[in-house]
């Protein structure tokens, strides 16, 4: 009897773990682009940046920057607010800064 209960608990744990992995993969896929990682890096240092400010810092077209920002906003990584004629963005899911910290400590020269 206890063995069956233990199996059910392990299956429940496995399901919870699988759900967490799926959420993590969703977030990682959302930011898995060099421009998006650069945007996250900018917003980690300076909150509430306008599209024009970000595109200038990254030397990207404003329309492309806006596309990346809107995608990350739609997926819950960023939030935005209107400031006059500008729309400004900041990190909503600040845990992604830990991903950047991890990347900074990696020896990427091996790749």
Protein backbone atom coordinates (compact mmCIF):
# COMPACT_ATOMS: atom_id res chain seq x y z
CA UNK A 1 0.00 0.00 0.00
CA UNK A 2 2.75 2.47 0.93
CA UNK A 3 4.62 1.63 -2.26
CA UNK A 4 1.63 2.74 -4.35
CA UNK A 5 1.40 5.99 -2.41
CA UNK A 6 5.12 6.57 -2.86
CA UNK A 7 4.80 6.00 -6.64
CA UNK A 8 1.92 8.49 -6.81
CA UNK A 9 3.96 11.09 -4.92
CA UNK A 10 6.93 10.55 -7.24
CA UNK A 11 4.69 10.87 -10.31
CA UNK A 12 3.22 14.08 -8.88
CA UNK A 13 6.73 15.43 -8.24
CA UNK A 14 7.75 14.44 -11.77
CA UNK A 15 4.71 16.25 -13.20
CA UNK A 16 5.48 19.38 -11.17
CA UNK A 17 9.11 19.23 -12.26
CA UNK A 18 8.03 18.79 -15.90
CA UNK A 19 5.73 21.82 -15.66
CA UNK A 20 8.58 23.90 -14.22
CA UNK A 21 10.90 22.76 -17.03
CA UNK A 22 8.27 23.74 -19.60
CA UNK A 23 7.92 27.21 -18.04
CA UNK A 24 11.70 27.64 -17.95
CA UNK A 25 12.00 26.53 -21.58
CA UNK A 26 9.28 29.02 -22.58
CA UNK A 27 11.19 31.88 -20.93
CA UNK A 28 14.52 30.78 -22.36
CA UNK A 29 13.04 30.52 -25.87
CA UNK A 30 11.59 34.00 -25.47
CA UNK A 31 14.98 35.59 -24.73
CA UNK A 32 17.09 33.23 -26.89
CA UNK A 33 18.18 35.77 -29.48
CA UNK A 34 21.27 37.98 -29.35
CA UNK A 35 19.23 41.18 -29.69
CA UNK A 36 16.77 40.11 -27.01
CA UNK A 37 19.56 39.20 -24.62
CA UNK A 38 21.10 42.61 -25.28
CA UNK A 39 17.74 44.29 -24.61
CA UNK A 40 17.37 42.39 -21.35
CA UNK A 41 20.90 43.44 -20.42
CA UNK A 42 20.06 47.11 -21.07
CA UNK A 43 16.82 46.92 -19.10
CA UNK A 44 18.56 45.14 -16.24
CA UNK A 45 20.77 48.20 -15.84
CA UNK A 46 18.34 51.00 -16.70
CA UNK A 47 14.61 50.63 -16.06
CA UNK A 48 12.00 52.22 -18.29
CA UNK A 49 13.83 52.67 -21.54
CA UNK A 50 12.09 53.92 -24.67
CA UNK A 51 12.25 51.97 -27.93
CA UNK A 52 14.33 54.74 -29.49
CA UNK A 53 16.84 54.66 -26.61
CA UNK A 54 17.24 50.90 -26.81
CA UNK A 55 17.54 50.81 -30.60
CA UNK A 56 20.18 53.55 -30.47
CA UNK A 57 22.23 51.73 -27.83
CA UNK A 58 22.10 48.50 -29.85
CA UNK A 59 22.43 50.14 -33.27
CA UNK A 60 19.29 48.30 -34.43
CA UNK A 61 16.43 49.54 -36.54
CA UNK A 62 13.66 50.89 -34.36
CA UNK A 63 11.07 48.62 -36.00
CA UNK A 64 13.16 45.52 -35.25
CA UNK A 65 13.75 46.65 -31.67
CA UNK A 66 10.04 47.28 -31.27
CA UNK A 67 9.27 43.80 -32.60
CA UNK A 68 11.59 42.18 -30.05
CA UNK A 69 10.16 44.30 -27.23
CA UNK A 70 6.57 43.47 -28.16
CA UNK A 71 7.34 39.77 -28.35
CA UNK A 72 8.95 39.74 -24.92
CA UNK A 73 6.12 41.84 -23.50
CA UNK A 74 3.48 39.48 -24.93
CA UNK A 75 5.25 36.56 -23.29
CA UNK A 76 5.46 38.23 -19.89
CA UNK A 77 9.16 39.07 -19.74
CA UNK A 78 8.69 42.85 -20.09
CA UNK A 79 6.10 45.43 -19.18
CA UNK A 80 5.46 48.81 -20.75
CA UNK A 81 3.95 52.19 -20.02
CA UNK A 82 3.21 55.24 -22.09
CA UNK A 83 5.27 58.35 -21.38
CA UNK A 84 3.89 61.09 -23.62
CA UNK A 85 4.42 59.91 -27.19
CA UNK A 86 6.93 57.27 -26.18
CA UNK A 87 6.37 53.77 -24.90
CA UNK A 88 8.90 52.74 -22.29
CA UNK A 89 9.79 49.21 -21.25
CA UNK A 90 11.22 47.54 -18.19
CA UNK A 91 11.84 44.00 -17.04
CA UNK A 92 8.79 42.39 -15.52
CA UNK A 93 10.39 39.00 -15.05
CA UNK A 94 13.52 40.17 -13.28
CA UNK A 95 14.70 36.59 -12.75
CA UNK A 96 16.04 36.64 -16.31
CA UNK A 97 18.87 38.80 -14.94
CA UNK A 98 20.16 35.60 -13.31
CA UNK A 99 20.42 34.06 -16.78
CA UNK A 100 22.60 36.99 -17.83
CA UNK A 101 24.75 36.58 -14.72
CA UNK A 102 25.20 32.91 -15.55
CA UNK A 103 26.19 33.74 -19.13
CA UNK A 104 28.74 36.28 -17.90
CA UNK A 105 30.45 33.56 -15.87
CA UNK A 106 30.61 31.08 -18.75
CA UNK A 107 33.71 30.60 -20.86
CA UNK A 108 32.06 31.17 -24.23
CA UNK A 109 35.40 31.06 -26.04
CA UNK A 110 35.06 27.26 -26.14
CA UNK A 111 32.17 27.48 -28.60
